[in-house]
Amino acid sequence: DWLRLHQKLIRRVQWVVVFAYLLLVAVPAFLPLPERTAHIWTN
């Protein structure tokens, strides 16, 4: 019932996921390939 009553909140969460998804899918494709010394938290 909580899910039914909070559909607006779910839609906001979906928009956050959409923007994060588009950022992580699109931007790296136009960046140089990471160097061997790169790390997950720096690249």
PDB file of all heavy atoms in Angstrom:
ATOM      1  N   ASP A   1       0.824  -1.205   0.000  1.00  0.00           N
ATOM      2  CA  ASP A   1       0.000   0.000   0.000  1.00  0.00           C
ATOM      3  C   ASP A   1       0.861   1.259   0.000  1.00  0.00           C
ATOM      4  O   ASP A   1       0.513   2.270  -0.618  1.00  0.00           O
ATOM      5  CB  ASP A   1      -0.925   0.001   1.216  1.00  0.00           C
ATOM      6  CG  ASP A   1      -1.999  -1.072   1.136  1.00  0.00           C
ATOM      7  OD1 ASP A   1      -2.298  -1.523   0.003  1.00  0.00           O
ATOM      8  OD2 ASP A   1      -2.513  -1.469   2.191  1.00  0.00           O
ATOM      9  N   TRP A   2       1.991   1.203   0.725  1.00  0.00           N
ATOM     10  CA  TRP A   2       2.895   2.355   0.743  1.00  0.00           C
ATOM     11  C   TRP A   2       3.408   2.645  -0.660  1.00  0.00           C
ATOM     12  O   TRP A   2       3.491   3.819  -1.071  1.00  0.00           O
ATOM     13  CB  TRP A   2       4.065   2.074   1.683  1.00  0.00           C
ATOM     14  CG  TRP A   2       4.997   3.241   1.851  1.00  0.00           C
ATOM     15  CD1 TRP A   2       4.929   4.222   2.781  1.00  0.00           C
ATOM     16  CD2 TRP A   2       6.155   3.532   1.034  1.00  0.00           C
ATOM     17  NE1 TRP A   2       5.954   5.122   2.609  1.00  0.00           N
ATOM     18  CE2 TRP A   2       6.719   4.732   1.546  1.00  0.00           C
ATOM     19  CE3 TRP A   2       6.744   2.917  -0.058  1.00  0.00           C
ATOM     20  CZ2 TRP A   2       7.862   5.308   0.987  1.00  0.00           C
ATOM     21  CZ3 TRP A   2       7.878   3.499  -0.617  1.00  0.00           C
ATOM     22  CH2 TRP A   2       8.414   4.667  -0.104  1.00  0.00           C
ATOM     23  N   LEU A   3       3.747   1.600  -1.412  1.00  0.00           N
ATOM     24  CA  LEU A   3       4.187   1.804  -2.792  1.00  0.00           C
ATOM     25  C   LEU A   3       3.096   2.470  -3.616  1.00  0.00           C
ATOM     26  O   LEU A   3       3.360   3.385  -4.408  1.00  0.00           O
ATOM     27  CB  LEU A   3       4.563   0.460  -3.431  1.00  0.00           C
ATOM     28  CG  LEU A   3       5.830  -0.221  -2.918  1.00  0.00           C
ATOM     29  CD1 LEU A   3       5.953  -1.613  -3.526  1.00  0.00           C
ATOM     30  CD2 LEU A   3       7.068   0.604  -3.242  1.00  0.00           C
ATOM     31  N   ARG A   4       1.854   2.036  -3.427  1.00  0.00           N
ATOM     32  CA  ARG A   4       0.743   2.621  -4.181  1.00  0.00           C
ATOM     33  C   ARG A   4       0.555   4.093  -3.864  1.00  0.00           C
ATOM     34  O   ARG A   4       0.278   4.912  -4.751  1.00  0.00           O
ATOM     35  CB  ARG A   4      -0.540   1.853  -3.872  1.00  0.00           C
ATOM     36  CG  ARG A   4      -1.806   2.496  -4.430  1.00  0.00           C
ATOM     37  CD  ARG A   4      -2.991   1.566  -4.232  1.00  0.00           C
ATOM     38  NE  ARG A   4      -3.218   1.252  -2.840  1.00  0.00           N
ATOM     39  CZ  ARG A   4      -4.126   1.842  -2.054  1.00  0.00           C
ATOM     40  NH1 ARG A   4      -4.889   2.799  -2.551  1.00  0.00           N
ATOM     41  NH2 ARG A   4      -4.289   1.474  -0.812  1.00  0.00           N
ATOM     42  N   LEU A   5       0.722   4.444  -2.596  1.00  0.00           N
ATOM     43  CA  LEU A   5       0.469   5.808  -2.153  1.00  0.00           C
ATOM     44  C   LEU A   5       1.641   6.749  -2.396  1.00  0.00           C
ATOM     45  O   LEU A   5       1.499   7.965  -2.206  1.00  0.00           O
ATOM     46  CB  LEU A   5       0.114   5.811  -0.668  1.00  0.00           C
ATOM     47  CG  LEU A   5      -1.170   5.068  -0.289  1.00  0.00           C
ATOM     48  CD1 LEU A   5      -1.297   4.954   1.225  1.00  0.00           C
ATOM     49  CD2 LEU A   5      -2.383   5.767  -0.885  1.00  0.00           C
ATOM     50  N   HIS A   6       2.795   6.217  -2.811  1.00  0.00           N
ATOM     51  CA  HIS A   6       3.993   7.054  -2.987  1.00  0.00           C
ATOM     52  C   HIS A   6       4.546   6.913  -4.403  1.00  0.00           C
ATOM     53  O   HIS A   6       5.755   6.869  -4.605  1.00  0.00           O
ATOM     54  CB  HIS A   6       5.062   6.676  -1.952  1.00  0.00           C
ATOM     55  CG  HIS A   6       4.695   7.042  -0.549  1.00  0.00           C
ATOM     56  ND1 HIS A   6       3.878   6.257   0.233  1.00  0.00           N
ATOM     57  CD2 HIS A   6       5.024   8.128   0.214  1.00  0.00           C
ATOM     58  CE1 HIS A   6       3.727   6.831   1.423  1.00  0.00           C
ATOM     59  NE2 HIS A   6       4.403   7.957   1.433  1.00  0.00           N
ATOM     60  N   GLN A   7       3.656   6.892  -5.378  1.00  0.00           N
ATOM     61  CA  GLN A   7       4.095   6.791  -6.764  1.00  0.00           C
ATOM     62  C   GLN A   7       4.876   8.024  -7.220  1.00  0.00           C
ATOM     63  O   GLN A   7       5.788   7.924  -8.051  1.00  0.00           O
ATOM     64  CB  GLN A   7       2.891   6.561  -7.683  1.00  0.00           C
ATOM     65  CG  GLN A   7       2.277   5.179  -7.547  1.00  0.00           C
ATOM     66  CD  GLN A   7       3.222   4.074  -7.962  1.00  0.00           C
ATOM     67  OE1 GLN A   7       3.777   4.107  -9.070  1.00  0.00           O
ATOM     68  NE2 GLN A   7       3.422   3.089  -7.101  1.00  0.00           N
ATOM     69  N   LYS A   8       4.553   9.190  -6.690  1.00  0.00           N
ATOM     70  CA  LYS A   8       5.310  10.391  -7.061  1.00  0.00           C
ATOM     71  C   LYS A   8       6.756  10.278  -6.591  1.00  0.00           C
ATOM     72  O   LYS A   8       7.688  10.664  -7.311  1.00  0.00           O
ATOM     73  CB  LYS A   8       4.658  11.638  -6.462  1.00  0.00           C
ATOM     74  CG  LYS A   8       3.341  12.011  -7.122  1.00  0.00           C
ATOM     75  CD  LYS A   8       2.804  13.316  -6.548  1.00  0.00           C
ATOM     76  CE  LYS A   8       1.503  13.719  -7.242  1.00  0.00           C
ATOM     77  NZ  LYS A   8       0.953  14.990  -6.685  1.00  0.00           N
ATOM     78  N   LEU A   9       6.956   9.742  -5.387  1.00  0.00           N
ATOM     79  CA  LEU A   9       8.310   9.548  -4.887  1.00  0.00           C
ATOM     80  C   LEU A   9       9.055   8.538  -5.756  1.00  0.00           C
ATOM     81  O   LEU A   9      10.247   8.735  -6.075  1.00  0.00           O
ATOM     82  CB  LEU A   9       8.267   9.064  -3.440  1.00  0.00           C
ATOM     83  CG  LEU A   9       9.616   8.672  -2.805  1.00  0.00           C
ATOM     84  CD1 LEU A   9      10.555   9.871  -2.781  1.00  0.00           C
ATOM     85  CD2 LEU A   9       9.405   8.107  -1.407  1.00  0.00           C
ATOM     86  N   ILE A  10       8.389   7.467  -6.166  1.00  0.00           N
ATOM     87  CA  ILE A  10       9.017   6.460  -7.027  1.00  0.00           C
ATOM     88  C   ILE A  10       9.430   7.087  -8.354  1.00  0.00           C
ATOM     89  O   ILE A  10      10.526   6.818  -8.875  1.00  0.00           O
ATOM     90  CB  ILE A  10       8.061   5.275  -7.243  1.00  0.00           C
ATOM     91  CG1 ILE A  10       7.906   4.484  -5.944  1.00  0.00           C
ATOM     92  CG2 ILE A  10       8.560   4.365  -8.364  1.00  0.00           C
ATOM     93  CD1 ILE A  10       6.884   3.378  -6.015  1.00  0.00           C
ATOM     94  N   ARG A  11       8.588   7.959  -8.905  1.00  0.00           N
ATOM     95  CA  ARG A  11       8.944   8.610 -10.166  1.00  0.00           C
ATOM     96  C   ARG A  11      10.159   9.514  -9.993  1.00  0.00           C
ATOM     97  O   ARG A  11      11.012   9.608 -10.894  1.00  0.00           O
ATOM     98  CB  ARG A  11       7.752   9.393 -10.707  1.00  0.00           C
ATOM     99  CG  ARG A  11       6.693   8.491 -11.342  1.00  0.00           C
ATOM    100  CD  ARG A  11       5.686   9.287 -12.133  1.00  0.00           C
ATOM    101  NE  ARG A  11       4.808  10.073 -11.277  1.00  0.00           N
ATOM    102  CZ  ARG A  11       3.679   9.618 -10.748  1.00  0.00           C
ATOM    103  NH1 ARG A  11       3.308   8.359 -10.974  1.00  0.00           N
ATOM    104  NH2 ARG A  11       2.923  10.395 -10.006  1.00  0.00           N
ATOM    105  N   ARG A  12      10.270  10.171  -8.849  1.00  0.00           N
ATOM    106  CA  ARG A  12      11.457  10.998  -8.607  1.00  0.00           C
ATOM    107  C   ARG A  12      12.710  10.132  -8.520  1.00  0.00           C
ATOM    108  O   ARG A  12      13.762  10.494  -9.064  1.00  0.00           O
ATOM    109  CB  ARG A  12      11.279  11.811  -7.321  1.00  0.00           C
ATOM    110  CG  ARG A  12      10.181  12.866  -7.397  1.00  0.00           C
ATOM    111  CD  ARG A  12      10.228  13.777  -6.185  1.00  0.00           C
ATOM    112  NE  ARG A  12       9.122  14.727  -6.186  1.00  0.00           N
ATOM    113  CZ  ARG A  12       8.039  14.617  -5.442  1.00  0.00           C
ATOM    114  NH1 ARG A  12       7.918  13.576  -4.603  1.00  0.00           N
ATOM    115  NH2 ARG A  12       7.081  15.512  -5.503  1.00  0.00           N
ATOM    116  N   VAL A  13      12.583   8.990  -7.846  1.00  0.00           N
ATOM    117  CA  VAL A  13      13.717   8.061  -7.773  1.00  0.00           C
ATOM    118  C   VAL A  13      14.103   7.590  -9.168  1.00  0.00           C
ATOM    119  O   VAL A  13      15.292   7.503  -9.508  1.00  0.00           O
ATOM    120  CB  VAL A  13      13.359   6.869  -6.863  1.00  0.00           C
ATOM    121  CG1 VAL A  13      14.418   5.779  -6.968  1.00  0.00           C
ATOM    122  CG2 VAL A  13      13.204   7.318  -5.420  1.00  0.00           C
ATOM    123  N   GLN A  14      13.107   7.309  -9.995  1.00  0.00           N
ATOM    124  CA  GLN A  14      13.391   6.858 -11.354  1.00  0.00           C
ATOM    125  C   GLN A  14      14.145   7.920 -12.148  1.00  0.00           C
ATOM    126  O   GLN A  14      15.062   7.594 -12.906  1.00  0.00           O
ATOM    127  CB  GLN A  14      12.082   6.488 -12.056  1.00  0.00           C
ATOM    128  CG  GLN A  14      11.455   5.210 -11.541  1.00  0.00           C
ATOM    129  CD  GLN A  14      10.071   4.955 -12.112  1.00  0.00           C
ATOM    130  OE1 GLN A  14       9.401   5.882 -12.594  1.00  0.00           O
ATOM    131  NE2 GLN A  14       9.628   3.711 -12.049  1.00  0.00           N
ATOM    132  N   TRP A  15      13.788   9.192 -11.968  1.00  0.00           N
ATOM    133  CA  TRP A  15      14.500  10.256 -12.683  1.00  0.00           C
ATOM    134  C   TRP A  15      15.942  10.356 -12.219  1.00  0.00           C
ATOM    135  O   TRP A  15      16.852  10.595 -13.026  1.00  0.00           O
ATOM    136  CB  TRP A  15      13.789  11.596 -12.504  1.00  0.00           C
ATOM    137  CG  TRP A  15      12.670  11.806 -13.475  1.00  0.00           C
ATOM    138  CD1 TRP A  15      11.341  11.922 -13.200  1.00  0.00           C
ATOM    139  CD2 TRP A  15      12.796  11.922 -14.893  1.00  0.00           C
ATOM    140  NE1 TRP A  15      10.623  12.094 -14.370  1.00  0.00           N
ATOM    141  CE2 TRP A  15      11.501  12.096 -15.415  1.00  0.00           C
ATOM    142  CE3 TRP A  15      13.879  11.876 -15.781  1.00  0.00           C
ATOM    143  CZ2 TRP A  15      11.262  12.242 -16.786  1.00  0.00           C
ATOM    144  CZ3 TRP A  15      13.643  12.021 -17.143  1.00  0.00           C
ATOM    145  CH2 TRP A  15      12.341  12.203 -17.638  1.00  0.00           C
ATOM    146  N   VAL A  16      16.193  10.156 -10.942  1.00  0.00           N
ATOM    147  CA  VAL A  16      17.569  10.156 -10.443  1.00  0.00           C
ATOM    148  C   VAL A  16      18.365   9.030 -11.089  1.00  0.00           C
ATOM    149  O   VAL A  16      19.508   9.222 -11.534  1.00  0.00           O
ATOM    150  CB  VAL A  16      17.591  10.027  -8.900  1.00  0.00           C
ATOM    151  CG1 VAL A  16      19.019   9.804  -8.404  1.00  0.00           C
ATOM    152  CG2 VAL A  16      16.992  11.265  -8.243  1.00  0.00           C
ATOM    153  N   VAL A  17      17.756   7.843 -11.152  1.00  0.00           N
ATOM    154  CA  VAL A  17      18.425   6.705 -11.778  1.00  0.00           C
ATOM    155  C   VAL A  17      18.666   6.964 -13.265  1.00  0.00           C
ATOM    156  O   VAL A  17      19.731   6.638 -13.811  1.00  0.00           O
ATOM    157  CB  VAL A  17      17.609   5.411 -11.575  1.00  0.00           C
ATOM    158  CG1 VAL A  17      18.256   4.242 -12.313  1.00  0.00           C
ATOM    159  CG2 VAL A  17      17.477   5.085 -10.095  1.00  0.00           C
ATOM    160  N   VAL A  18      17.690   7.583 -13.940  1.00  0.00           N
ATOM    161  CA  VAL A  18      17.837   7.893 -15.366  1.00  0.00           C
ATOM    162  C   VAL A  18      19.048   8.791 -15.604  1.00  0.00           C
ATOM    163  O   VAL A  18      19.881   8.523 -16.481  1.00  0.00           O
ATOM    164  CB  VAL A  18      16.554   8.554 -15.917  1.00  0.00           C
ATOM    165  CG1 VAL A  18      16.824   9.204 -17.276  1.00  0.00           C
ATOM    166  CG2 VAL A  18      15.443   7.533 -16.044  1.00  0.00           C
ATOM    167  N   PHE A  19      19.171   9.864 -14.830  1.00  0.00           N
ATOM    168  CA  PHE A  19      20.278  10.795 -15.035  1.00  0.00           C
ATOM    169  C   PHE A  19      21.622  10.133 -14.703  1.00  0.00           C
ATOM    170  O   PHE A  19      22.612  10.330 -15.421  1.00  0.00           O
ATOM    171  CB  PHE A  19      20.069  12.052 -14.194  1.00  0.00           C
ATOM    172  CG  PHE A  19      19.012  12.963 -14.733  1.00  0.00           C
ATOM    173  CD1 PHE A  19      17.915  13.315 -13.969  1.00  0.00           C
ATOM    174  CD2 PHE A  19      19.095  13.463 -16.028  1.00  0.00           C
ATOM    175  CE1 PHE A  19      16.927  14.150 -14.464  1.00  0.00           C
ATOM    176  CE2 PHE A  19      18.108  14.295 -16.547  1.00  0.00           C
ATOM    177  CZ  PHE A  19      17.023  14.641 -15.764  1.00  0.00           C
ATOM    178  N   ALA A  20      21.670   9.350 -13.634  1.00  0.00           N
ATOM    179  CA  ALA A  20      22.909   8.650 -13.296  1.00  0.00           C
ATOM    180  C   ALA A  20      23.266   7.645 -14.388  1.00  0.00           C
ATOM    181  O   ALA A  20      24.444   7.512 -14.780  1.00  0.00           O
ATOM    182  CB  ALA A  20      22.762   7.959 -11.944  1.00  0.00           C
ATOM    183  N   TYR A  21      22.269   6.948 -14.884  1.00  0.00           N
ATOM    184  CA  TYR A  21      22.474   5.951 -15.943  1.00  0.00           C
ATOM    185  C   TYR A  21      23.012   6.608 -17.211  1.00  0.00           C
ATOM    186  O   TYR A  21      24.009   6.146 -17.793  1.00  0.00           O
ATOM    187  CB  TYR A  21      21.133   5.270 -16.207  1.00  0.00           C
ATOM    188  CG  TYR A  21      21.072   4.373 -17.419  1.00  0.00           C
ATOM    189  CD1 TYR A  21      21.586   3.079 -17.378  1.00  0.00           C
ATOM    190  CD2 TYR A  21      20.478   4.803 -18.600  1.00  0.00           C
ATOM    191  CE1 TYR A  21      21.507   2.245 -18.484  1.00  0.00           C
ATOM    192  CE2 TYR A  21      20.395   3.981 -19.709  1.00  0.00           C
ATOM    193  CZ  TYR A  21      20.911   2.712 -19.648  1.00  0.00           C
ATOM    194  OH  TYR A  21      20.830   1.893 -20.742  1.00  0.00           O
ATOM    195  N   LEU A  22      22.383   7.690 -17.642  1.00  0.00           N
ATOM    196  CA  LEU A  22      22.826   8.364 -18.859  1.00  0.00           C
ATOM    197  C   LEU A  22      24.240   8.907 -18.702  1.00  0.00           C
ATOM    198  O   LEU A  22      25.058   8.852 -19.636  1.00  0.00           O
ATOM    199  CB  LEU A  22      21.852   9.486 -19.213  1.00  0.00           C
ATOM    200  CG  LEU A  22      20.437   9.045 -19.608  1.00  0.00           C
ATOM    201  CD1 LEU A  22      19.551  10.256 -19.867  1.00  0.00           C
ATOM    202  CD2 LEU A  22      20.474   8.145 -20.835  1.00  0.00           C
ATOM    203  N   LEU A  23      24.553   9.437 -17.532  1.00  0.00           N
ATOM    204  CA  LEU A  23      25.898   9.949 -17.275  1.00  0.00           C
ATOM    205  C   LEU A  23      26.936   8.841 -17.381  1.00  0.00           C
ATOM    206  O   LEU A  23      27.962   8.993 -18.067  1.00  0.00           O
ATOM    207  CB  LEU A  23      25.953  10.599 -15.890  1.00  0.00           C
ATOM    208  CG  LEU A  23      27.339  11.031 -15.401  1.00  0.00           C
ATOM    209  CD1 LEU A  23      27.852  12.196 -16.244  1.00  0.00           C
ATOM    210  CD2 LEU A  23      27.293  11.424 -13.923  1.00  0.00           C
ATOM    211  N   LEU A  24      26.680   7.720 -16.728  1.00  0.00           N
ATOM    212  CA  LEU A  24      27.667   6.645 -16.678  1.00  0.00           C
ATOM    213  C   LEU A  24      27.763   5.873 -17.995  1.00  0.00           C
ATOM    214  O   LEU A  24      28.807   5.288 -18.297  1.00  0.00           O
ATOM    215  CB  LEU A  24      27.334   5.682 -15.541  1.00  0.00           C
ATOM    216  CG  LEU A  24      27.447   6.262 -14.132  1.00  0.00           C
ATOM    217  CD1 LEU A  24      27.020   5.235 -13.100  1.00  0.00           C
ATOM    218  CD2 LEU A  24      28.870   6.722 -13.854  1.00  0.00           C
ATOM    219  N   VAL A  25      26.702   5.884 -18.799  1.00  0.00           N
ATOM    220  CA  VAL A  25      26.750   5.199 -20.089  1.00  0.00           C
ATOM    221  C   VAL A  25      27.397   6.074 -21.156  1.00  0.00           C
ATOM    222  O   VAL A  25      28.248   5.619 -21.928  1.00  0.00           O
ATOM    223  CB  VAL A  25      25.329   4.785 -20.545  1.00  0.00           C
ATOM    224  CG1 VAL A  25      25.332   4.362 -22.005  1.00  0.00           C
ATOM    225  CG2 VAL A  25      24.827   3.632 -19.702  1.00  0.00           C
ATOM    226  N   ALA A  26      27.013   7.344 -21.190  1.00  0.00           N
ATOM    227  CA  ALA A  26      27.414   8.199 -22.304  1.00  0.00           C
ATOM    228  C   ALA A  26      28.796   8.820 -22.140  1.00  0.00           C
ATOM    229  O   ALA A  26      29.622   8.773 -23.055  1.00  0.00           O
ATOM    230  CB  ALA A  26      26.372   9.296 -22.501  1.00  0.00           C
ATOM    231  N   VAL A  27      29.087   9.396 -21.002  1.00  0.00           N
ATOM    232  CA  VAL A  27      30.314  10.190 -20.857  1.00  0.00           C
ATOM    233  C   VAL A  27      31.584   9.364 -21.034  1.00  0.00           C
ATOM    234  O   VAL A  27      32.497   9.773 -21.772  1.00  0.00           O
ATOM    235  CB  VAL A  27      30.308  10.926 -19.499  1.00  0.00           C
ATOM    236  CG1 VAL A  27      31.640  11.635 -19.270  1.00  0.00           C
ATOM    237  CG2 VAL A  27      29.155  11.924 -19.443  1.00  0.00           C
ATOM    238  N   PRO A  28      31.726   8.187 -20.399  1.00  0.00           N
ATOM    239  CA  PRO A  28      32.982   7.434 -20.552  1.00  0.00           C
ATOM    240  C   PRO A  28      33.324   7.081 -21.992  1.00  0.00           C
ATOM    241  O   PRO A  28      34.500   6.919 -22.328  1.00  0.00           O
ATOM    242  CB  PRO A  28      32.730   6.176 -19.717  1.00  0.00           C
ATOM    243  CG  PRO A  28      31.735   6.580 -18.698  1.00  0.00           C
ATOM    244  CD  PRO A  28      30.831   7.531 -19.419  1.00  0.00           C
ATOM    245  N   ALA A  29      32.324   6.955 -22.871  1.00  0.00           N
ATOM    246  CA  ALA A  29      32.586   6.591 -24.257  1.00  0.00           C
ATOM    247  C   ALA A  29      33.386   7.660 -24.992  1.00  0.00           C
ATOM    248  O   ALA A  29      33.999   7.381 -26.032  1.00  0.00           O
ATOM    249  CB  ALA A  29      31.278   6.319 -24.984  1.00  0.00           C
ATOM    250  N   PHE A  30      33.391   8.890 -24.471  1.00  0.00           N
ATOM    251  CA  PHE A  30      34.095   9.988 -25.126  1.00  0.00           C
ATOM    252  C   PHE A  30      35.371  10.388 -24.378  1.00  0.00           C
ATOM    253  O   PHE A  30      35.997  11.389 -24.710  1.00  0.00           O
ATOM    254  CB  PHE A  30      33.160  11.192 -25.243  1.00  0.00           C
ATOM    255  CG  PHE A  30      31.926  10.902 -26.059  1.00  0.00           C
ATOM    256  CD1 PHE A  30      30.740  10.547 -25.435  1.00  0.00           C
ATOM    257  CD2 PHE A  30      31.967  10.937 -27.438  1.00  0.00           C
ATOM    258  CE1 PHE A  30      29.603  10.259 -26.178  1.00  0.00           C
ATOM    259  CE2 PHE A  30      30.844  10.654 -28.193  1.00  0.00           C
ATOM    260  CZ  PHE A  30      29.655  10.319 -27.562  1.00  0.00           C
ATOM    261  N   LEU A  31      35.741   9.602 -23.387  1.00  0.00           N
ATOM    262  CA  LEU A  31      36.961   9.850 -22.634  1.00  0.00           C
ATOM    263  C   LEU A  31      38.065   8.895 -23.076  1.00  0.00           C
ATOM    264  O   LEU A  31      37.780   7.819 -23.605  1.00  0.00           O
ATOM    265  CB  LEU A  31      36.701   9.670 -21.130  1.00  0.00           C
ATOM    266  CG  LEU A  31      35.673  10.603 -20.491  1.00  0.00           C
ATOM    267  CD1 LEU A  31      35.472  10.230 -19.022  1.00  0.00           C
ATOM    268  CD2 LEU A  31      36.097  12.058 -20.620  1.00  0.00           C
ATOM    269  N   PRO A  32      39.332   9.254 -22.858  1.00  0.00           N
ATOM    270  CA  PRO A  32      40.417   8.316 -23.175  1.00  0.00           C
ATOM    271  C   PRO A  32      40.298   7.065 -22.314  1.00  0.00           C
ATOM    272  O   PRO A  32      39.764   7.097 -21.200  1.00  0.00           O
ATOM    273  CB  PRO A  32      41.683   9.113 -22.832  1.00  0.00           C
ATOM    274  CG  PRO A  32      41.257  10.548 -22.776  1.00  0.00           C
ATOM    275  CD  PRO A  32      39.823  10.541 -22.348  1.00  0.00           C
ATOM    276  N   LEU A  33      40.804   5.951 -22.826  1.00  0.00           N
ATOM    277  CA  LEU A  33      40.817   4.723 -22.031  1.00  0.00           C
ATOM    278  C   LEU A  33      41.686   4.924 -20.788  1.00  0.00           C
ATOM    279  O   LEU A  33      42.708   5.621 -20.841  1.00  0.00           O
ATOM    280  CB  LEU A  33      41.356   3.558 -22.857  1.00  0.00           C
ATOM    281  CG  LEU A  33      40.468   3.089 -24.023  1.00  0.00           C
ATOM    282  CD1 LEU A  33      41.158   1.983 -24.802  1.00  0.00           C
ATOM    283  CD2 LEU A  33      39.119   2.616 -23.513  1.00  0.00           C
ATOM    284  N   PRO A  34      41.299   4.355 -19.664  1.00  0.00           N
ATOM    285  CA  PRO A  34      42.053   4.579 -18.423  1.00  0.00           C
ATOM    286  C   PRO A  34      43.467   4.014 -18.499  1.00  0.00           C
ATOM    287  O   PRO A  34      43.708   2.980 -19.138  1.00  0.00           O
ATOM    288  CB  PRO A  34      41.212   3.852 -17.364  1.00  0.00           C
ATOM    289  CG  PRO A  34      40.404   2.861 -18.121  1.00  0.00           C
ATOM    290  CD  PRO A  34      40.135   3.478 -19.457  1.00  0.00           C
ATOM    291  N   GLU A  35      44.383   4.682 -17.830  1.00  0.00           N
ATOM    292  CA  GLU A  35      45.750   4.195 -17.747  1.00  0.00           C
ATOM    293  C   GLU A  35      45.815   3.033 -16.760  1.00  0.00           C
ATOM    294  O   GLU A  35      44.913   2.809 -15.963  1.00  0.00           O
ATOM    295  CB  GLU A  35      46.687   5.324 -17.314  1.00  0.00           C
ATOM    296  CG  GLU A  35      46.706   6.494 -18.289  1.00  0.00           C
ATOM    297  CD  GLU A  35      47.606   7.614 -17.799  1.00  0.00           C
ATOM    298  OE1 GLU A  35      48.135   7.501 -16.666  1.00  0.00           O
ATOM    299  OE2 GLU A  35      47.781   8.599 -18.539  1.00  0.00           O
ATOM    300  N   ARG A  36      46.936   2.321 -16.802  1.00  0.00           N
ATOM    301  CA  ARG A  36      47.086   1.155 -15.937  1.00  0.00           C
ATOM    302  C   ARG A  36      47.078   1.525 -14.458  1.00  0.00           C
ATOM    303  O   ARG A  36      46.750   0.697 -13.607  1.00  0.00           O
ATOM    304  CB  ARG A  36      48.381   0.407 -16.283  1.00  0.00           C
ATOM    305  CG  ARG A  36      48.362  -0.230 -17.666  1.00  0.00           C
ATOM    306  CD  ARG A  36      49.628  -1.022 -17.921  1.00  0.00           C
ATOM    307  NE  ARG A  36      49.638  -1.622 -19.248  1.00  0.00           N
ATOM    308  CZ  ARG A  36      49.081  -2.782 -19.549  1.00  0.00           C
ATOM    309  NH1 ARG A  36      48.477  -3.486 -18.598  1.00  0.00           N
ATOM    310  NH2 ARG A  36      49.135  -3.263 -20.781  1.00  0.00           N
ATOM    311  N   THR A  37      47.465   2.768 -14.150  1.00  0.00           N
ATOM    312  CA  THR A  37      47.537   3.192 -12.752  1.00  0.00           C
ATOM    313  C   THR A  37      46.220   3.768 -12.241  1.00  0.00           C
ATOM    314  O   THR A  37      46.133   4.174 -11.082  1.00  0.00           O
ATOM    315  CB  THR A  37      48.637   4.249 -12.576  1.00  0.00           C
ATOM    316  OG1 THR A  37      48.387   5.352 -13.471  1.00  0.00           O
ATOM    317  CG2 THR A  37      50.002   3.648 -12.890  1.00  0.00           C
ATOM    318  N   ALA A  38      45.198   3.826 -13.100  1.00  0.00           N
ATOM    319  CA  ALA A  38      43.917   4.417 -12.689  1.00  0.00           C
ATOM    320  C   ALA A  38      43.192   3.505 -11.707  1.00  0.00           C
ATOM    321  O   ALA A  38      43.405   2.287 -11.675  1.00  0.00           O
ATOM    322  CB  ALA A  38      43.049   4.670 -13.918  1.00  0.00           C
ATOM    323  N   HIS A  39      42.323   4.114 -10.898  1.00  0.00           N
ATOM    324  CA  HIS A  39      41.537   3.385  -9.913  1.00  0.00           C
ATOM    325  C   HIS A  39      40.049   3.652 -10.119  1.00  0.00           C
ATOM    326  O   HIS A  39      39.656   4.638 -10.760  1.00  0.00           O
ATOM    327  CB  HIS A  39      41.938   3.795  -8.496  1.00  0.00           C
ATOM    328  CG  HIS A  39      43.344   3.465  -8.136  1.00  0.00           C
ATOM    329  ND1 HIS A  39      43.740   2.198  -7.773  1.00  0.00           N
ATOM    330  CD2 HIS A  39      44.462   4.244  -8.102  1.00  0.00           C
ATOM    331  CE1 HIS A  39      45.035   2.193  -7.518  1.00  0.00           C
ATOM    332  NE2 HIS A  39      45.503   3.423  -7.707  1.00  0.00           N
ATOM    333  N   ILE A  40      39.236   2.781  -9.561  1.00  0.00           N
ATOM    334  CA  ILE A  40      37.787   2.928  -9.683  1.00  0.00           C
ATOM    335  C   ILE A  40      37.328   4.271  -9.138  1.00  0.00           C
ATOM    336  O   ILE A  40      36.456   4.926  -9.714  1.00  0.00           O
ATOM    337  CB  ILE A  40      37.069   1.776  -8.935  1.00  0.00           C
ATOM    338  CG1 ILE A  40      37.312   0.445  -9.649  1.00  0.00           C
ATOM    339  CG2 ILE A  40      35.571   2.035  -8.829  1.00  0.00           C
ATOM    340  CD1 ILE A  40      36.798  -0.759  -8.894  1.00  0.00           C
ATOM    341  N   TRP A  41      37.924   4.719  -8.035  1.00  0.00           N
ATOM    342  CA  TRP A  41      37.458   5.945  -7.388  1.00  0.00           C
ATOM    343  C   TRP A  41      38.086   7.214  -7.969  1.00  0.00           C
ATOM    344  O   TRP A  41      37.741   8.312  -7.562  1.00  0.00           O
ATOM    345  CB  TRP A  41      37.725   5.879  -5.884  1.00  0.00           C
ATOM    346  CG  TRP A  41      39.180   5.674  -5.528  1.00  0.00           C
ATOM    347  CD1 TRP A  41      40.132   6.632  -5.374  1.00  0.00           C
ATOM    348  CD2 TRP A  41      39.812   4.425  -5.289  1.00  0.00           C
ATOM    349  NE1 TRP A  41      41.335   6.065  -5.062  1.00  0.00           N
ATOM    350  CE2 TRP A  41      41.170   4.706  -4.994  1.00  0.00           C
ATOM    351  CE3 TRP A  41      39.381   3.091  -5.284  1.00  0.00           C
ATOM    352  CZ2 TRP A  41      42.099   3.711  -4.702  1.00  0.00           C
ATOM    353  CZ3 TRP A  41      40.301   2.100  -5.001  1.00  0.00           C
ATOM    354  CH2 TRP A  41      41.628   2.398  -4.715  1.00  0.00           C
ATOM    355  N   THR A  42      39.027   7.068  -8.927  1.00  0.00           N
ATOM    356  CA  THR A  42      39.654   8.248  -9.533  1.00  0.00           C
ATOM    357  C   THR A  42      39.383   8.367 -11.024  1.00  0.00           C
ATOM    358  O   THR A  42      39.729   9.391 -11.626  1.00  0.00           O
ATOM    359  CB  THR A  42      41.184   8.216  -9.320  1.00  0.00           C
ATOM    360  OG1 THR A  42      41.729   7.052  -9.967  1.00  0.00           O
ATOM    361  CG2 THR A  42      41.523   8.207  -7.845  1.00  0.00           C
ATOM    362  N   ASN A  43      38.771   7.359 -11.631  1.00  0.00           N
ATOM    363  CA  ASN A  43      38.560   7.356 -13.073  1.00  0.00           C
ATOM    364  C   ASN A  43      37.102   7.029 -13.376  1.00  0.00           C
ATOM    365  O   ASN A  43      36.603   5.976 -12.972  1.00  0.00           O
ATOM    366  CB  ASN A  43      39.487   6.331 -13.741  1.00  0.00           C
ATOM    367  CG  ASN A  43      39.403   6.369 -15.253  1.00  0.00           C
ATOM    368  OD1 ASN A  43      38.529   5.765 -15.853  1.00  0.00           O
ATOM    369  ND2 ASN A  43      40.325   7.102 -15.869  1.00  0.00           N
TER     370      ASN A  43
END
